[in-house]
Structures are given as structure tokens and as C-alpha cells.
Amino acid sequence: MRTSKVWVVGVLALTTALGLISSAAKLMWNDEFLSFYSDSAASAKAVWEIQKHYPNLA
């Protein structure tokens, strides 16, 4: 019983460490930028304008 708990904790720790290392090296995708910019919008109209213009890929 104790051995299985140690394995579970070990696998979770390894997965967490690899996920943190991986996420620090990856750039955000366009949809993540749109979500990031839209979260601070004060109104639905502001969200619409952000979604139309950012990130400006043209």
C-alpha cells in the first residue's frame, strides 16, 4: 500500500516538473493572446474590438 502511494506521488511530481519546464519554454498561441487581452475588457463592445484587432497579424 505504501509503495503504491510513493509511486503516485513520484509520478505526479515528475509530471508537474515536466509540465512547468515545458510551459516556460513555449510561446503563447494566438487564441491564448486573444483570451489574455479580452479578459481585461470592460464591456462586450470592448471584447469585440479586441477580437477584431489583436494580435494584428496583417
C-alpha atoms as a PDB file:
ATOM      1  CA  MET A   1       0.000   0.000   0.000  1.00  0.00           C
ATOM      2  CA  ARG A   2       2.754   2.446   0.934  1.00  0.00           C
ATOM      3  CA  THR A   3       4.742   1.609  -2.209  1.00  0.00           C
ATOM      4  CA  SER A   4       1.801   2.492  -4.468  1.00  0.00           C
ATOM      5  CA  LYS A   5       1.393   5.865  -2.718  1.00  0.00           C
ATOM      6  CA  VAL A   6       5.086   6.602  -3.252  1.00  0.00           C
ATOM      7  CA  TRP A   7       4.735   5.773  -6.952  1.00  0.00           C
ATOM      8  CA  VAL A   8       1.674   8.005  -7.324  1.00  0.00           C
ATOM      9  CA  VAL A   9       3.417  10.913  -5.607  1.00  0.00           C
ATOM     10  CA  GLY A  10       6.528  10.354  -7.725  1.00  0.00           C
ATOM     11  CA  VAL A  11       4.614  10.270 -10.990  1.00  0.00           C
ATOM     12  CA  LEU A  12       2.652  13.397 -10.037  1.00  0.00           C
ATOM     13  CA  ALA A  13       5.844  15.234  -9.062  1.00  0.00           C
ATOM     14  CA  LEU A  14       7.558  14.245 -12.299  1.00  0.00           C
ATOM     15  CA  THR A  15       4.548  15.251 -14.391  1.00  0.00           C
ATOM     16  CA  THR A  16       4.311  18.599 -12.610  1.00  0.00           C
ATOM     17  CA  ALA A  17       8.011  19.320 -13.066  1.00  0.00           C
ATOM     18  CA  LEU A  18       7.952  18.426 -16.761  1.00  0.00           C
ATOM     19  CA  GLY A  19       4.822  20.494 -17.321  1.00  0.00           C
ATOM     20  CA  LEU A  20       6.346  23.558 -15.673  1.00  0.00           C
ATOM     21  CA  ILE A  21       9.571  23.224 -17.641  1.00  0.00           C
ATOM     22  CA  SER A  22       7.653  22.743 -20.888  1.00  0.00           C
ATOM     23  CA  SER A  23       5.275  25.663 -20.303  1.00  0.00           C
ATOM     24  CA  ALA A  24       8.138  28.045 -19.538  1.00  0.00           C
ATOM     25  CA  ALA A  25       9.710  27.300 -22.927  1.00  0.00           C
ATOM     26  CA  LYS A  26       6.565  27.515 -25.091  1.00  0.00           C
ATOM     27  CA  LEU A  27       5.219  30.689 -26.615  1.00  0.00           C
ATOM     28  CA  MET A  28       1.527  31.502 -26.338  1.00  0.00           C
ATOM     29  CA  TRP A  29      -0.689  30.751 -29.342  1.00  0.00           C
ATOM     30  CA  ASN A  30      -2.888  33.377 -30.987  1.00  0.00           C
ATOM     31  CA  ASP A  31      -6.070  32.205 -29.268  1.00  0.00           C
ATOM     32  CA  GLU A  32      -4.336  32.459 -25.899  1.00  0.00           C
ATOM     33  CA  PHE A  33      -3.313  36.054 -26.679  1.00  0.00           C
ATOM     34  CA  LEU A  34      -6.895  36.894 -27.605  1.00  0.00           C
ATOM     35  CA  SER A  35      -8.126  35.440 -24.316  1.00  0.00           C
ATOM     36  CA  PHE A  36      -5.425  37.308 -22.408  1.00  0.00           C
ATOM     37  CA  TYR A  37      -6.343  40.660 -23.991  1.00  0.00           C
ATOM     38  CA  SER A  38     -10.098  40.062 -23.734  1.00  0.00           C
ATOM     39  CA  ASP A  39     -10.034  39.293 -20.012  1.00  0.00           C
ATOM     40  CA  SER A  40      -9.368  42.935 -19.146  1.00  0.00           C
ATOM     41  CA  ALA A  41     -12.148  44.346 -21.363  1.00  0.00           C
ATOM     42  CA  ALA A  42     -14.814  46.380 -19.624  1.00  0.00           C
ATOM     43  CA  SER A  43     -17.713  45.664 -21.993  1.00  0.00           C
ATOM     44  CA  ALA A  44     -18.894  43.345 -24.741  1.00  0.00           C
ATOM     45  CA  LYS A  45     -18.100  46.050 -27.311  1.00  0.00           C
ATOM     46  CA  ALA A  46     -14.533  46.274 -25.996  1.00  0.00           C
ATOM     47  CA  VAL A  47     -14.185  42.480 -26.287  1.00  0.00           C
ATOM     48  CA  TRP A  48     -15.438  42.674 -29.883  1.00  0.00           C
ATOM     49  CA  GLU A  49     -12.885  45.370 -30.775  1.00  0.00           C
ATOM     50  CA  ILE A  50     -10.059  43.402 -29.166  1.00  0.00           C
ATOM     51  CA  GLN A  51     -11.038  40.235 -31.020  1.00  0.00           C
ATOM     52  CA  LYS A  52     -11.119  42.128 -34.328  1.00  0.00           C
ATOM     53  CA  HIS A  53      -7.759  43.856 -33.995  1.00  0.00           C
ATOM     54  CA  TYR A  54      -5.367  41.933 -31.722  1.00  0.00           C
ATOM     55  CA  PRO A  55      -2.960  40.405 -32.325  1.00  0.00           C
ATOM     56  CA  ASN A  56      -2.563  42.286 -35.547  1.00  0.00           C
ATOM     57  CA  LEU A  57      -1.316  39.632 -37.967  1.00  0.00           C
ATOM     58  CA  ALA A  58      -1.775  41.708 -41.143  1.00  0.00           C
END
